[in-house]
Amino acid sequence: MIYVIIPALNEEKAIAKVISDIPKVVTEIVVVDNGSLDRTSVVARNAGATVLKESRAGYGYACLKGINHLKDKQQDGDIIVFLDGDYSDYPEELTSLVAPIEKGNYDLVIGTRNNPLLQKGALTPQQRFGNALATRLMALFYGGKFTDLGPFRAISFEALDRLNMQDKTYGWTVEMQLKALKHKLEYTEVPVNYRPRIGESKVSGTIKGTIMAGYKILGWIFIYAFKR
């Protein structure tokens, strides 16, 4: 079975597009409304998604809510896909993301935006810099071969359970990749398309969001370095 978790905050204009483009091979689409002030929940539910509410602000909180909802349903061999609700990703590429896991070769697949498919203006300069710095530090400290911290990713249920994810806010993606290295998961990257999002970014679109994201991402990397 393939399940999709979409954290969403004020994505009323985008969420239906995201849901409609997800391939029909997906068993359940879970949208976690992370405190939206618009009609995100209503639109998502009308589009066919299961909608959960998470009042505690934070990307990680929303992801953990979705995971907890699916725990009793999942079995060995199942796959979870994480996808943003702003329509910057191309949901139809989900089949390419899960294929390496379905073949039994990998535990984790990251959709990398670091490729010629990236559309102009889709990533801010601070996002480009942050991704480059974080992946180079992971290579330096842990021998990682990641090129991106892209939010569009697939992971097997067994692997996700082993990682015991903890971060509640901006450090979710880098925590997953660091723990994948620590637990010696088999991982790979798949080039994905990426376009300018619908609406304003809650992270890179604000000074506070940019600073906090950078702090959490670098914090996870250096904490793991000292632990080693």
Foldseek 3Di string as FASTA:
>chain_A
DEEEEEEDAQQLPQQLVLLVQADPVHPAYEYEYACHPDCPQVSNVVSPHHYHYHPDDAPQSRVVVVCVVCVVPDDFPYKYWYDYRQPQFRNNCVCVQCVCVNVVNFFKEAADQPDPLEDPPQDDPLQQVLQQVLQVLCCVQQVDDDRGLHRTMMGGPVLVVVLPQDDGHLQRSLSSVSSCSVVVTGYYYDHGHGDHTHDADPAVRDPVNSVVNSCNSVVSSVVVSVVD
